Amino acid sequence: MNKIKFEEINNILLIKLRGIGDVVLTTVVLDNIKAFLPNAKIDFLTDYPSTPILKPLNQINKVIPFNRKSLIKRIKTFFEIRRNSYDLVIDFFSNPVSAQITYFSKAKYRAGFPYKGRTYAYNIFGPFERGKTHAADLHLELLKDTGFPIISKNMYVGIDIEAINYAELIFKDNFNNSDLVFCLIPGGGWQSKKCDPIKFAEIADSIIKCYNKVKILLLWGPDDKEEVLLIKKYMKEDAVIAPPTSLLEMAAIIKKCKLVIANDSGPMHISAGLGIPTLSINGPTDPNLQGPYGKNNAWVRNEELDCIACNLLVCPKQHQCFIDLPITKIMQKIEYLIHANNIKLND
């Protein structure tokens, strides 16, 4: 197809379904679109769990929730998108369902990845190869191939005032103004991605021993309560366990921390998206592709294992990638982040 006539583009739909972390990584395109087409409206189609972190963003006109569990609601969403008469649809997910949505939109310009069985839906294509570059950079490659100049690599996570007030209350109740709070988040989408509580406890104790002004906050999601209780139990030092939070409340609490240590997970990407120095502990997944995005972050993994980055949902080797990860290696990365981000440990 010929190049886009950008003077025709007033109404844009971005599509990214599934994981919250994946959606955060897609926000890297927003500033670039707005800089090039400041008057265009940007709508965003995503799964329900990701909608709260997008709705507060100024760059987005409307967030359209996709309900994959209800056939009737899915059909209604298809027709809503058709009625919206988008000039440009960019499908950053490019799976069979999102390809159908893109094609059904009848937008004049439809961009996506040329994966097998989906090319019918698009007339603008991004790179074919997956697994060669970080997911955020892959989104930028598709945007570039659509014709947008890339001038920014900023990511975004929206937080509303209610969540901010909740986070302020949690910190007021548990910390002093002079405390430096490092946050540990043991959640993860797969069981094999979850660093063991005994290792997190070792990390927390080592941080407190090394940096006596630092306080440890254990932040958790709906499936992680058992892990944080075990971390607290195994620790020799003290830590604060956060109360239950919504997604936005979790993001607001992360925003108040000086440094975050997490598994490869949605909260890890939220932390990086908020600009908080973030260290990811990686085992079955490749941090070069899915690690915390941005120069202010880092990752650590047990490079000596031949099974590292196995991508298995269930570990057959007793979590060696986490259990045998040297604490000295982890602390070196924490020290690097402290210096790289100019975190003041002394008055």
C-alpha atoms as a PDB file:
ATOM      1  CA  MET A   1       0.000   0.000   0.000  1.00  0.00           C
ATOM      2  CA  ASN A   2       1.087   3.606  -0.544  1.00  0.00           C
ATOM      3  CA  LYS A   3       2.399   5.642   2.356  1.00  0.00           C
ATOM      4  CA  ILE A   4      -0.146   7.011   4.804  1.00  0.00           C
ATOM      5  CA  LYS A   5      -1.556  10.440   4.047  1.00  0.00           C
ATOM      6  CA  PHE A   6      -1.268  11.722   7.584  1.00  0.00           C
ATOM      7  CA  GLU A   7      -3.439  14.731   6.847  1.00  0.00           C
ATOM      8  CA  GLU A   8      -6.304  12.200   6.674  1.00  0.00           C
ATOM      9  CA  ILE A   9      -5.642  10.786  10.155  1.00  0.00           C
ATOM     10  CA  ASN A  10      -7.897  12.212  12.845  1.00  0.00           C
ATOM     11  CA  ASN A  11      -9.139   9.107  14.644  1.00  0.00           C
ATOM     12  CA  ILE A  12      -6.736   6.350  15.770  1.00  0.00           C
ATOM     13  CA  LEU A  13      -7.297   3.031  17.519  1.00  0.00           C
ATOM     14  CA  LEU A  14      -4.466   1.200  19.272  1.00  0.00           C
ATOM     15  CA  ILE A  15      -4.953  -2.479  20.176  1.00  0.00           C
ATOM     16  CA  LYS A  16      -3.097  -4.419  22.853  1.00  0.00           C
ATOM     17  CA  LEU A  17      -4.823  -7.304  24.620  1.00  0.00           C
ATOM     18  CA  ARG A  18      -3.789  -9.651  27.448  1.00  0.00           C
ATOM     19  CA  GLY A  19      -1.169  -8.900  30.112  1.00  0.00           C
ATOM     20  CA  ILE A  20      -0.954  -5.663  32.093  1.00  0.00           C
ATOM     21  CA  GLY A  21       2.816  -5.572  31.660  1.00  0.00           C
ATOM     22  CA  ASP A  22       2.444  -5.904  27.893  1.00  0.00           C
ATOM     23  CA  VAL A  23       0.007  -2.993  27.875  1.00  0.00           C
ATOM     24  CA  VAL A  24       2.417  -0.816  29.876  1.00  0.00           C
ATOM     25  CA  LEU A  25       5.124  -1.550  27.314  1.00  0.00           C
ATOM     26  CA  THR A  26       2.768  -0.397  24.553  1.00  0.00           C
ATOM     27  CA  THR A  27       2.429   3.072  26.089  1.00  0.00           C
ATOM     28  CA  VAL A  28       5.903   3.778  24.712  1.00  0.00           C
ATOM     29  CA  VAL A  29       4.195   4.761  21.445  1.00  0.00           C
ATOM     30  CA  LEU A  30       1.911   7.458  22.868  1.00  0.00           C
ATOM     31  CA  ASP A  31       4.247  10.450  22.962  1.00  0.00           C
ATOM     32  CA  ASN A  32       5.443   9.690  19.442  1.00  0.00           C
ATOM     33  CA  ILE A  33       1.916   9.655  18.029  1.00  0.00           C
ATOM     34  CA  LYS A  34       0.926  12.820  19.876  1.00  0.00           C
ATOM     35  CA  ALA A  35       4.073  14.672  18.805  1.00  0.00           C
ATOM     36  CA  PHE A  36       3.441  13.878  15.129  1.00  0.00           C
ATOM     37  CA  LEU A  37      -0.369  14.183  15.151  1.00  0.00           C
ATOM     38  CA  PRO A  38      -1.186  16.437  18.117  1.00  0.00           C
ATOM     39  CA  ASN A  39      -4.840  16.880  17.161  1.00  0.00           C
ATOM     40  CA  ALA A  40      -5.635  13.219  16.493  1.00  0.00           C
ATOM     41  CA  LYS A  41      -7.823  11.329  18.951  1.00  0.00           C
ATOM     42  CA  ILE A  42      -6.311   8.093  20.294  1.00  0.00           C
ATOM     43  CA  ASP A  43      -8.558   5.294  21.549  1.00  0.00           C
ATOM     44  CA  PHE A  44      -7.121   2.143  23.120  1.00  0.00           C
ATOM     45  CA  LEU A  45      -8.663  -1.351  23.050  1.00  0.00           C
ATOM     46  CA  THR A  46      -7.455  -3.654  25.813  1.00  0.00           C
ATOM     47  CA  ASP A  47      -8.646  -6.345  28.218  1.00  0.00           C
ATOM     48  CA  TYR A  48     -10.629  -5.253  31.281  1.00  0.00           C
ATOM     49  CA  PRO A  49      -7.803  -5.735  33.855  1.00  0.00           C
ATOM     50  CA  SER A  50      -5.588  -3.192  32.071  1.00  0.00           C
ATOM     51  CA  THR A  51      -8.176  -0.442  31.657  1.00  0.00           C
ATOM     52  CA  PRO A  52      -7.584   1.332  35.024  1.00  0.00           C
ATOM     53  CA  ILE A  53      -3.943   2.218  34.260  1.00  0.00           C
ATOM     54  CA  LEU A  54      -4.870   3.711  30.862  1.00  0.00           C
ATOM     55  CA  LYS A  55      -7.958   5.760  31.701  1.00  0.00           C
ATOM     56  CA  PRO A  56      -6.096   8.518  33.611  1.00  0.00           C
ATOM     57  CA  LEU A  57      -3.631   9.124  30.750  1.00  0.00           C
ATOM     58  CA  ASN A  58      -4.008  12.472  28.980  1.00  0.00           C
ATOM     59  CA  GLN A  59      -2.830  11.084  25.643  1.00  0.00           C
ATOM     60  CA  ILE A  60      -5.762   8.681  25.415  1.00  0.00           C
ATOM     61  CA  ASN A  61      -9.245   9.843  24.433  1.00  0.00           C
ATOM     62  CA  LYS A  62     -11.136   6.653  25.308  1.00  0.00           C
ATOM     63  CA  VAL A  63     -10.285   3.200  26.641  1.00  0.00           C
ATOM     64  CA  ILE A  64     -12.437   0.450  25.162  1.00  0.00           C
ATOM     65  CA  PRO A  65     -12.584  -2.678  27.345  1.00  0.00           C
ATOM     66  CA  PHE A  66     -12.539  -6.053  25.621  1.00  0.00           C
ATOM     67  CA  ASN A  67     -14.461  -8.796  27.396  1.00  0.00           C
ATOM     68  CA  ARG A  68     -13.192 -12.125  26.099  1.00  0.00           C
ATOM     69  CA  LYS A  69     -15.534 -14.132  28.377  1.00  0.00           C
ATOM     70  CA  SER A  70     -18.782 -12.838  26.885  1.00  0.00           C
ATOM     71  CA  LEU A  71     -19.510 -13.519  23.213  1.00  0.00           C
ATOM     72  CA  ILE A  72     -22.297 -10.937  23.179  1.00  0.00           C
ATOM     73  CA  LYS A  73     -20.068  -8.206  24.607  1.00  0.00           C
ATOM     74  CA  ARG A  74     -17.292  -9.135  22.192  1.00  0.00           C
ATOM     75  CA  ILE A  75     -19.662  -8.747  19.245  1.00  0.00           C
ATOM     76  CA  LYS A  76     -20.862  -5.398  20.610  1.00  0.00           C
ATOM     77  CA  THR A  77     -17.232  -4.256  20.816  1.00  0.00           C
ATOM     78  CA  PHE A  78     -16.661  -5.268  17.180  1.00  0.00           C
ATOM     79  CA  PHE A  79     -19.581  -3.112  16.070  1.00  0.00           C
ATOM     80  CA  GLU A  80     -18.627  -0.207  18.353  1.00  0.00           C
ATOM     81  CA  ILE A  81     -15.216  -0.110  16.703  1.00  0.00           C
ATOM     82  CA  ARG A  82     -16.827  -0.255  13.271  1.00  0.00           C
ATOM     83  CA  ARG A  83     -19.124   2.669  14.156  1.00  0.00           C
ATOM     84  CA  ASN A  84     -16.217   4.776  15.413  1.00  0.00           C
ATOM     85  CA  SER A  85     -14.871   5.076  11.857  1.00  0.00           C
ATOM     86  CA  TYR A  86     -11.174   4.972  12.666  1.00  0.00           C
ATOM     87  CA  ASP A  87      -8.778   6.315  10.055  1.00  0.00           C
ATOM     88  CA  LEU A  88      -5.893   4.237  11.402  1.00  0.00           C
ATOM     89  CA  VAL A  89      -5.833   1.072  13.493  1.00  0.00           C
ATOM     90  CA  ILE A  90      -2.508  -0.195  14.861  1.00  0.00           C
ATOM     91  CA  ASP A  91      -2.695  -3.733  16.209  1.00  0.00           C
ATOM     92  CA  PHE A  92       0.267  -4.210  18.539  1.00  0.00           C
ATOM     93  CA  PHE A  93      -1.039  -7.641  19.574  1.00  0.00           C
ATOM     94  CA  SER A  94      -1.694  -9.186  16.145  1.00  0.00           C
ATOM     95  CA  ASN A  95      -3.256 -12.432  17.322  1.00  0.00           C
ATOM     96  CA  PRO A  96      -6.201 -14.020  15.470  1.00  0.00           C
ATOM     97  CA  VAL A  97      -8.842 -12.100  17.464  1.00  0.00           C
ATOM     98  CA  SER A  98      -7.178  -8.692  17.275  1.00  0.00           C
ATOM     99  CA  ALA A  99      -6.553  -9.237  13.557  1.00  0.00           C
ATOM    100  CA  GLN A 100     -10.284  -9.856  13.078  1.00  0.00           C
ATOM    101  CA  ILE A 101     -11.106  -6.676  14.985  1.00  0.00           C
ATOM    102  CA  THR A 102      -8.650  -4.682  12.892  1.00  0.00           C
ATOM    103  CA  TYR A 103     -10.053  -6.011   9.619  1.00  0.00           C
ATOM    104  CA  PHE A 104     -13.668  -5.536  10.709  1.00  0.00           C
ATOM    105  CA  SER A 105     -12.960  -1.901  11.638  1.00  0.00           C
ATOM    106  CA  LYS A 106     -12.768  -1.068   7.920  1.00  0.00           C
ATOM    107  CA  ALA A 107     -10.186   1.594   8.679  1.00  0.00           C
ATOM    108  CA  LYS A 108      -8.407   2.832   5.577  1.00  0.00           C
ATOM    109  CA  TYR A 109      -5.025   2.197   7.201  1.00  0.00           C
ATOM    110  CA  ARG A 110      -4.515  -0.967   9.258  1.00  0.00           C
ATOM    111  CA  ALA A 111      -1.100  -1.809  10.725  1.00  0.00           C
ATOM    112  CA  GLY A 112       0.050  -5.021  12.363  1.00  0.00           C
ATOM    113  CA  PHE A 113       2.692  -7.724  12.402  1.00  0.00           C
ATOM    114  CA  PRO A 114       2.802 -10.100   9.388  1.00  0.00           C
ATOM    115  CA  TYR A 115       2.314 -13.299  11.372  1.00  0.00           C
ATOM    116  CA  LYS A 116       0.970 -16.417   9.675  1.00  0.00           C
ATOM    117  CA  GLY A 117      -2.743 -16.348   8.981  1.00  0.00           C
ATOM    118  CA  ARG A 118      -3.213 -12.680   9.914  1.00  0.00           C
ATOM    119  CA  THR A 119      -1.805 -10.681   7.021  1.00  0.00           C
ATOM    120  CA  TYR A 120      -5.295 -10.372   5.469  1.00  0.00           C
ATOM    121  CA  ALA A 121      -6.167  -7.889   8.226  1.00  0.00           C
ATOM    122  CA  TYR A 122      -3.430  -5.346   7.540  1.00  0.00           C
ATOM    123  CA  ASN A 123      -2.175  -3.174   4.723  1.00  0.00           C
ATOM    124  CA  ILE A 124       0.822  -1.854   6.691  1.00  0.00           C
ATOM    125  CA  PHE A 125       3.279  -4.293   8.239  1.00  0.00           C
ATOM    126  CA  GLY A 126       5.812  -4.207  11.027  1.00  0.00           C
ATOM    127  CA  PRO A 127       8.797  -6.574  11.289  1.00  0.00           C
ATOM    128  CA  PHE A 128       8.106 -10.301  11.060  1.00  0.00           C
ATOM    129  CA  GLU A 129      10.728 -11.541  13.498  1.00  0.00           C
ATOM    130  CA  ARG A 130       9.808 -11.989  17.143  1.00  0.00           C
ATOM    131  CA  GLY A 131      12.207 -12.765  19.966  1.00  0.00           C
ATOM    132  CA  LYS A 132      14.972 -10.553  18.570  1.00  0.00           C
ATOM    133  CA  THR A 133      14.362  -7.284  20.406  1.00  0.00           C
ATOM    134  CA  HIS A 134      12.690  -5.991  23.543  1.00  0.00           C
ATOM    135  CA  ALA A 135       8.897  -5.939  23.389  1.00  0.00           C
ATOM    136  CA  ALA A 136       8.769  -2.142  23.838  1.00  0.00           C
ATOM    137  CA  ASP A 137      11.224  -1.638  20.977  1.00  0.00           C
ATOM    138  CA  LEU A 138       9.161  -3.996  18.825  1.00  0.00           C
ATOM    139  CA  HIS A 139       6.150  -1.725  19.372  1.00  0.00           C
ATOM    140  CA  LEU A 140       8.260   1.230  18.297  1.00  0.00           C
ATOM    141  CA  GLU A 141       9.374  -0.668  15.192  1.00  0.00           C
ATOM    142  CA  LEU A 142       5.757  -1.193  14.148  1.00  0.00           C
ATOM    143  CA  LEU A 143       5.006   2.479  14.792  1.00  0.00           C
ATOM    144  CA  LYS A 144       8.051   3.490  12.748  1.00  0.00           C
ATOM    145  CA  ASP A 145       7.015   1.202   9.888  1.00  0.00           C
ATOM    146  CA  THR A 146       3.597   2.871  10.005  1.00  0.00           C
ATOM    147  CA  GLY A 147       5.333   6.165   9.269  1.00  0.00           C
ATOM    148  CA  PHE A 148       5.730   7.849  12.655  1.00  0.00           C
ATOM    149  CA  PRO A 149       9.072   9.383  13.660  1.00  0.00           C
ATOM    150  CA  ILE A 150      10.392   7.960  16.935  1.00  0.00           C
ATOM    151  CA  ILE A 151      11.413  10.775  19.274  1.00  0.00           C
ATOM    152  CA  SER A 152      10.510   9.323  22.677  1.00  0.00           C
ATOM    153  CA  LYS A 153      10.800   6.078  24.625  1.00  0.00           C
ATOM    154  CA  ASN A 154       8.750   7.217  27.609  1.00  0.00           C
ATOM    155  CA  MET A 155       6.217   4.796  29.101  1.00  0.00           C
ATOM    156  CA  TYR A 156       3.173   5.692  31.184  1.00  0.00           C
ATOM    157  CA  VAL A 157       0.983   4.303  33.941  1.00  0.00           C
ATOM    158  CA  GLY A 158      -2.109   6.245  34.942  1.00  0.00           C
ATOM    159  CA  ILE A 159      -2.944   6.826  38.623  1.00  0.00           C
ATOM    160  CA  ASP A 160      -6.022   8.632  39.955  1.00  0.00           C
ATOM    161  CA  ILE A 161      -6.256  10.889  42.991  1.00  0.00           C
ATOM    162  CA  GLU A 162      -8.039   8.300  45.128  1.00  0.00           C
ATOM    163  CA  ALA A 163      -5.160   5.853  44.685  1.00  0.00           C
ATOM    164  CA  ILE A 164      -2.618   8.585  45.448  1.00  0.00           C
ATOM    165  CA  ASN A 165      -4.429   9.450  48.683  1.00  0.00           C
ATOM    166  CA  TYR A 166      -4.555   5.772  49.660  1.00  0.00           C
ATOM    167  CA  ALA A 167      -0.806   5.398  49.129  1.00  0.00           C
ATOM    168  CA  GLU A 168      -0.149   8.531  51.202  1.00  0.00           C
ATOM    169  CA  LEU A 169      -2.146   7.030  54.054  1.00  0.00           C
ATOM    170  CA  ILE A 170      -0.264   3.702  53.900  1.00  0.00           C
ATOM    171  CA  PHE A 171       3.089   5.461  54.057  1.00  0.00           C
ATOM    172  CA  LYS A 172       1.972   7.787  56.849  1.00  0.00           C
ATOM    173  CA  ASP A 173       0.859   4.818  58.944  1.00  0.00           C
ATOM    174  CA  ASN A 174       3.986   2.716  58.395  1.00  0.00           C
ATOM    175  CA  PHE A 175       6.988   4.939  57.660  1.00  0.00           C
ATOM    176  CA  ASN A 176       8.652   8.163  58.735  1.00  0.00           C
ATOM    177  CA  ASN A 177       9.308  10.959  56.276  1.00  0.00           C
ATOM    178  CA  SER A 178      13.036  10.221  56.421  1.00  0.00           C
ATOM    179  CA  ASP A 179      12.645   6.525  55.590  1.00  0.00           C
ATOM    180  CA  LEU A 180      13.904   5.213  52.251  1.00  0.00           C
ATOM    181  CA  VAL A 181      11.450   2.527  51.187  1.00  0.00           C
ATOM    182  CA  PHE A 182      12.539  -0.314  48.928  1.00  0.00           C
ATOM    183  CA  CYS A 183       9.656  -2.424  47.645  1.00  0.00           C
ATOM    184  CA  LEU A 184       9.771  -6.189  47.048  1.00  0.00           C
ATOM    185  CA  ILE A 185       7.025  -7.661  44.855  1.00  0.00           C
ATOM    186  CA  PRO A 186       6.978 -11.494  44.736  1.00  0.00           C
ATOM    187  CA  GLY A 187       4.121 -11.907  42.235  1.00  0.00           C
ATOM    188  CA  GLY A 188       4.382 -13.409  38.776  1.00  0.00           C
ATOM    189  CA  GLY A 189       2.061 -14.697  36.089  1.00  0.00           C
ATOM    190  CA  TRP A 190       3.564 -18.187  36.036  1.00  0.00           C
ATOM    191  CA  GLN A 191       4.633 -20.169  39.065  1.00  0.00           C
ATOM    192  CA  SER A 192       8.035 -20.742  37.448  1.00  0.00           C
ATOM    193  CA  LYS A 193       8.585 -16.953  37.243  1.00  0.00           C
ATOM    194  CA  LYS A 194       8.190 -16.497  40.995  1.00  0.00           C
ATOM    195  CA  CYS A 195      11.421 -16.199  42.926  1.00  0.00           C
ATOM    196  CA  ASP A 196      11.127 -18.295  46.091  1.00  0.00           C
ATOM    197  CA  PRO A 197      10.145 -16.563  49.360  1.00  0.00           C
ATOM    198  CA  ILE A 198      13.330 -17.799  51.062  1.00  0.00           C
ATOM    199  CA  LYS A 199      15.413 -15.971  48.443  1.00  0.00           C
ATOM    200  CA  PHE A 200      13.331 -12.802  48.703  1.00  0.00           C
ATOM    201  CA  ALA A 201      13.823 -12.928  52.483  1.00  0.00           C
ATOM    202  CA  GLU A 202      17.574 -13.197  51.956  1.00  0.00           C
ATOM    203  CA  ILE A 203      17.481 -10.208  49.605  1.00  0.00           C
ATOM    204  CA  ALA A 204      15.468  -8.127  52.070  1.00  0.00           C
ATOM    205  CA  ASP A 205      17.764  -8.955  54.996  1.00  0.00           C
ATOM    206  CA  SER A 206      20.854  -8.167  52.925  1.00  0.00           C
ATOM    207  CA  ILE A 207      19.443  -4.776  51.921  1.00  0.00           C
ATOM    208  CA  ILE A 208      18.689  -3.823  55.523  1.00  0.00           C
ATOM    209  CA  LYS A 209      22.109  -5.014  56.690  1.00  0.00           C
ATOM    210  CA  CYS A 210      23.873  -3.066  53.952  1.00  0.00           C
ATOM    211  CA  TYR A 211      21.740   0.092  54.024  1.00  0.00           C
ATOM    212  CA  ASN A 212      20.503   0.801  57.530  1.00  0.00           C
ATOM    213  CA  LYS A 213      18.228   3.673  56.497  1.00  0.00           C
ATOM    214  CA  VAL A 214      16.240   1.513  54.098  1.00  0.00           C
ATOM    215  CA  LYS A 215      12.865   0.064  55.068  1.00  0.00           C
ATOM    216  CA  ILE A 216      11.350  -2.915  53.257  1.00  0.00           C
ATOM    217  CA  LEU A 217       7.785  -2.939  51.943  1.00  0.00           C
ATOM    218  CA  LEU A 218       6.279  -6.217  50.727  1.00  0.00           C
ATOM    219  CA  LEU A 219       3.656  -5.525  48.066  1.00  0.00           C
ATOM    220  CA  TRP A 220       1.361  -8.242  46.788  1.00  0.00           C
ATOM    221  CA  GLY A 221      -1.536  -9.041  44.507  1.00  0.00           C
ATOM    222  CA  PRO A 222      -4.529 -11.353  44.972  1.00  0.00           C
ATOM    223  CA  ASP A 223      -2.510 -14.545  44.414  1.00  0.00           C
ATOM    224  CA  ASP A 224       0.592 -13.575  46.388  1.00  0.00           C
ATOM    225  CA  LYS A 225      -0.534 -13.336  50.024  1.00  0.00           C
ATOM    226  CA  GLU A 226       1.052 -16.663  50.970  1.00  0.00           C
ATOM    227  CA  GLU A 227       4.398 -15.592  49.466  1.00  0.00           C
ATOM    228  CA  VAL A 228       4.619 -12.316  51.391  1.00  0.00           C
ATOM    229  CA  LEU A 229       3.710 -14.040  54.661  1.00  0.00           C
ATOM    230  CA  LEU A 230       6.496 -16.555  54.075  1.00  0.00           C
ATOM    231  CA  ILE A 231       8.987 -13.802  53.221  1.00  0.00           C
ATOM    232  CA  LYS A 232       8.133 -12.033  56.469  1.00  0.00           C
ATOM    233  CA  LYS A 233       8.439 -15.327  58.374  1.00  0.00           C
ATOM    234  CA  TYR A 234      11.852 -16.172  56.884  1.00  0.00           C
ATOM    235  CA  MET A 235      13.310 -12.686  57.396  1.00  0.00           C
ATOM    236  CA  LYS A 236      15.627 -11.996  60.324  1.00  0.00           C
ATOM    237  CA  GLU A 237      14.902  -8.270  60.032  1.00  0.00           C
ATOM    238  CA  ASP A 238      11.572  -6.450  59.952  1.00  0.00           C
ATOM    239  CA  ALA A 239       9.392  -5.584  56.966  1.00  0.00           C
ATOM    240  CA  VAL A 240       6.014  -3.987  56.337  1.00  0.00           C
ATOM    241  CA  ILE A 241       3.385  -6.032  54.518  1.00  0.00           C
ATOM    242  CA  ALA A 242       1.143  -3.775  52.463  1.00  0.00           C
ATOM    243  CA  PRO A 243      -2.632  -4.150  52.855  1.00  0.00           C
ATOM    244  CA  PRO A 244      -4.752  -5.415  49.939  1.00  0.00           C
ATOM    245  CA  THR A 245      -4.723  -3.002  47.013  1.00  0.00           C
ATOM    246  CA  SER A 246      -6.429  -2.377  43.729  1.00  0.00           C
ATOM    247  CA  LEU A 247      -4.249  -2.100  40.627  1.00  0.00           C
ATOM    248  CA  LEU A 248      -4.178   1.698  40.821  1.00  0.00           C
ATOM    249  CA  GLU A 249      -3.481   1.637  44.559  1.00  0.00           C
ATOM    250  CA  MET A 250      -0.584  -0.739  43.954  1.00  0.00           C
ATOM    251  CA  ALA A 251       0.777   1.620  41.283  1.00  0.00           C
ATOM    252  CA  ALA A 252       0.441   4.613  43.618  1.00  0.00           C
ATOM    253  CA  ILE A 253       2.327   2.784  46.386  1.00  0.00           C
ATOM    254  CA  ILE A 254       5.082   1.792  43.963  1.00  0.00           C
ATOM    255  CA  LYS A 255       5.355   5.440  42.901  1.00  0.00           C
ATOM    256  CA  LYS A 256       6.309   6.404  46.459  1.00  0.00           C
ATOM    257  CA  CYS A 257       9.139   3.856  46.721  1.00  0.00           C
ATOM    258  CA  LYS A 258      12.792   4.571  45.983  1.00  0.00           C
ATOM    259  CA  LEU A 259      13.546   1.202  44.371  1.00  0.00           C
ATOM    260  CA  VAL A 260      11.585  -1.893  43.376  1.00  0.00           C
ATOM    261  CA  ILE A 261      12.764  -5.510  43.191  1.00  0.00           C
ATOM    262  CA  ALA A 262      10.359  -7.850  41.445  1.00  0.00           C
ATOM    263  CA  ASN A 263       9.921 -10.925  39.312  1.00  0.00           C
ATOM    264  CA  ASP A 264       9.101 -10.639  35.620  1.00  0.00           C
ATOM    265  CA  SER A 265       5.512  -9.498  36.154  1.00  0.00           C
ATOM    266  CA  GLY A 266       2.928  -6.796  35.551  1.00  0.00           C
ATOM    267  CA  PRO A 267       3.933  -4.871  38.701  1.00  0.00           C
ATOM    268  CA  MET A 268       7.569  -4.918  37.541  1.00  0.00           C
ATOM    269  CA  HIS A 269       6.575  -3.225  34.275  1.00  0.00           C
ATOM    270  CA  ILE A 270       4.300  -0.827  36.164  1.00  0.00           C
ATOM    271  CA  SER A 271       7.276   0.183  38.312  1.00  0.00           C
ATOM    272  CA  ALA A 272       9.455   0.802  35.251  1.00  0.00           C
ATOM    273  CA  GLY A 273       6.578   2.643  33.562  1.00  0.00           C
ATOM    274  CA  LEU A 274       6.327   4.949  36.583  1.00  0.00           C
ATOM    275  CA  GLY A 275      10.037   5.754  36.353  1.00  0.00           C
ATOM    276  CA  ILE A 276      10.958   3.999  39.601  1.00  0.00           C
ATOM    277  CA  PRO A 277      14.390   2.284  39.528  1.00  0.00           C
ATOM    278  CA  THR A 278      13.514  -1.366  39.029  1.00  0.00           C
ATOM    279  CA  LEU A 279      15.474  -4.606  39.343  1.00  0.00           C
ATOM    280  CA  SER A 280      13.895  -7.712  37.862  1.00  0.00           C
ATOM    281  CA  ILE A 281      14.897 -11.195  38.982  1.00  0.00           C
ATOM    282  CA  ASN A 282      14.637 -13.425  35.944  1.00  0.00           C
ATOM    283  CA  GLY A 283      14.546 -17.183  35.559  1.00  0.00           C
ATOM    284  CA  PRO A 284      12.492 -18.771  32.762  1.00  0.00           C
ATOM    285  CA  THR A 285      12.032 -15.569  30.742  1.00  0.00           C
ATOM    286  CA  ASP A 286      14.602 -13.530  28.836  1.00  0.00           C
ATOM    287  CA  PRO A 287      15.117 -10.039  30.324  1.00  0.00           C
ATOM    288  CA  ASN A 288      16.564  -8.854  27.016  1.00  0.00           C
ATOM    289  CA  LEU A 289      13.051  -9.246  25.623  1.00  0.00           C
ATOM    290  CA  GLN A 290      10.811  -8.724  28.671  1.00  0.00           C
ATOM    291  CA  GLY A 291      12.956  -7.052  31.332  1.00  0.00           C
ATOM    292  CA  PRO A 292      12.266  -3.631  32.870  1.00  0.00           C
ATOM    293  CA  TYR A 293      12.481  -1.125  30.027  1.00  0.00           C
ATOM    294  CA  GLY A 294      14.613   1.963  30.342  1.00  0.00           C
ATOM    295  CA  LYS A 295      18.156   2.941  31.226  1.00  0.00           C
ATOM    296  CA  ASN A 296      17.340   3.517  34.909  1.00  0.00           C
ATOM    297  CA  ASN A 297      16.565  -0.169  35.461  1.00  0.00           C
ATOM    298  CA  ALA A 298      18.432  -3.475  35.569  1.00  0.00           C
ATOM    299  CA  TRP A 299      17.947  -7.231  35.715  1.00  0.00           C
ATOM    300  CA  VAL A 300      19.766 -10.156  37.246  1.00  0.00           C
ATOM    301  CA  ARG A 301      19.720 -13.883  36.569  1.00  0.00           C
ATOM    302  CA  ASN A 302      21.783 -17.012  37.105  1.00  0.00           C
ATOM    303  CA  GLU A 303      23.752 -17.009  33.855  1.00  0.00           C
ATOM    304  CA  GLU A 304      25.668 -20.187  34.784  1.00  0.00           C
ATOM    305  CA  LEU A 305      22.635 -22.444  34.327  1.00  0.00           C
ATOM    306  CA  ASP A 306      22.191 -24.130  30.957  1.00  0.00           C
ATOM    307  CA  CYS A 307      18.403 -24.083  31.458  1.00  0.00           C
ATOM    308  CA  ILE A 308      18.151 -20.313  32.034  1.00  0.00           C
ATOM    309  CA  ALA A 309      15.394 -18.612  29.983  1.00  0.00           C
ATOM    310  CA  CYS A 310      13.720 -21.994  29.422  1.00  0.00           C
ATOM    311  CA  ASN A 311      10.226 -20.431  29.081  1.00  0.00           C
ATOM    312  CA  LEU A 312       8.704 -23.411  30.906  1.00  0.00           C
ATOM    313  CA  LEU A 313       5.562 -22.762  32.937  1.00  0.00           C
ATOM    314  CA  VAL A 314       6.576 -25.345  35.530  1.00  0.00           C
ATOM    315  CA  CYS A 315      10.187 -25.674  36.666  1.00  0.00           C
ATOM    316  CA  PRO A 316      11.561 -29.259  36.583  1.00  0.00           C
ATOM    317  CA  LYS A 317      14.751 -28.312  38.464  1.00  0.00           C
ATOM    318  CA  GLN A 318      13.625 -27.047  41.901  1.00  0.00           C
ATOM    319  CA  HIS A 319      13.969 -23.376  40.965  1.00  0.00           C
ATOM    320  CA  GLN A 320      17.747 -23.431  40.717  1.00  0.00           C
ATOM    321  CA  CYS A 321      17.592 -20.224  38.695  1.00  0.00           C
ATOM    322  CA  PHE A 322      16.394 -18.443  41.843  1.00  0.00           C
ATOM    323  CA  ILE A 323      17.591 -20.535  44.775  1.00  0.00           C
ATOM    324  CA  ASP A 324      21.186 -20.715  43.503  1.00  0.00           C
ATOM    325  CA  LEU A 325      21.350 -17.089  42.357  1.00  0.00           C
ATOM    326  CA  PRO A 326      24.231 -15.575  44.404  1.00  0.00           C
ATOM    327  CA  ILE A 327      23.091 -12.845  46.775  1.00  0.00           C
ATOM    328  CA  THR A 328      26.311 -10.969  45.983  1.00  0.00           C
ATOM    329  CA  LYS A 329      25.240 -10.714  42.353  1.00  0.00           C
ATOM    330  CA  ILE A 330      21.843  -9.318  43.358  1.00  0.00           C
ATOM    331  CA  MET A 331      23.384  -6.803  45.747  1.00  0.00           C
ATOM    332  CA  GLN A 332      25.806  -5.630  43.070  1.00  0.00           C
ATOM    333  CA  LYS A 333      22.859  -4.780  40.837  1.00  0.00           C
ATOM    334  CA  ILE A 334      21.085  -2.987  43.685  1.00  0.00           C
ATOM    335  CA  GLU A 335      24.236  -0.967  44.369  1.00  0.00           C
ATOM    336  CA  TYR A 336      24.441  -0.134  40.661  1.00  0.00           C
ATOM    337  CA  LEU A 337      20.836   1.131  40.630  1.00  0.00           C
ATOM    338  CA  ILE A 338      21.382   3.219  43.743  1.00  0.00           C
ATOM    339  CA  HIS A 339      24.333   5.004  42.138  1.00  0.00           C
ATOM    340  CA  ALA A 340      22.859   5.187  38.631  1.00  0.00           C
ATOM    341  CA  ASN A 341      19.691   6.819  39.967  1.00  0.00           C
ATOM    342  CA  ASN A 342      21.445   8.976  42.566  1.00  0.00           C
ATOM    343  CA  ILE A 343      19.417   7.544  45.446  1.00  0.00           C
ATOM    344  CA  LYS A 344      20.592   9.394  48.561  1.00  0.00           C
ATOM    345  CA  LEU A 345      21.237   6.957  51.398  1.00  0.00           C
ATOM    346  CA  ASN A 346      22.623   9.573  53.790  1.00  0.00           C
ATOM    347  CA  ASP A 347      21.558  13.016  54.895  1.00  0.00           C
END
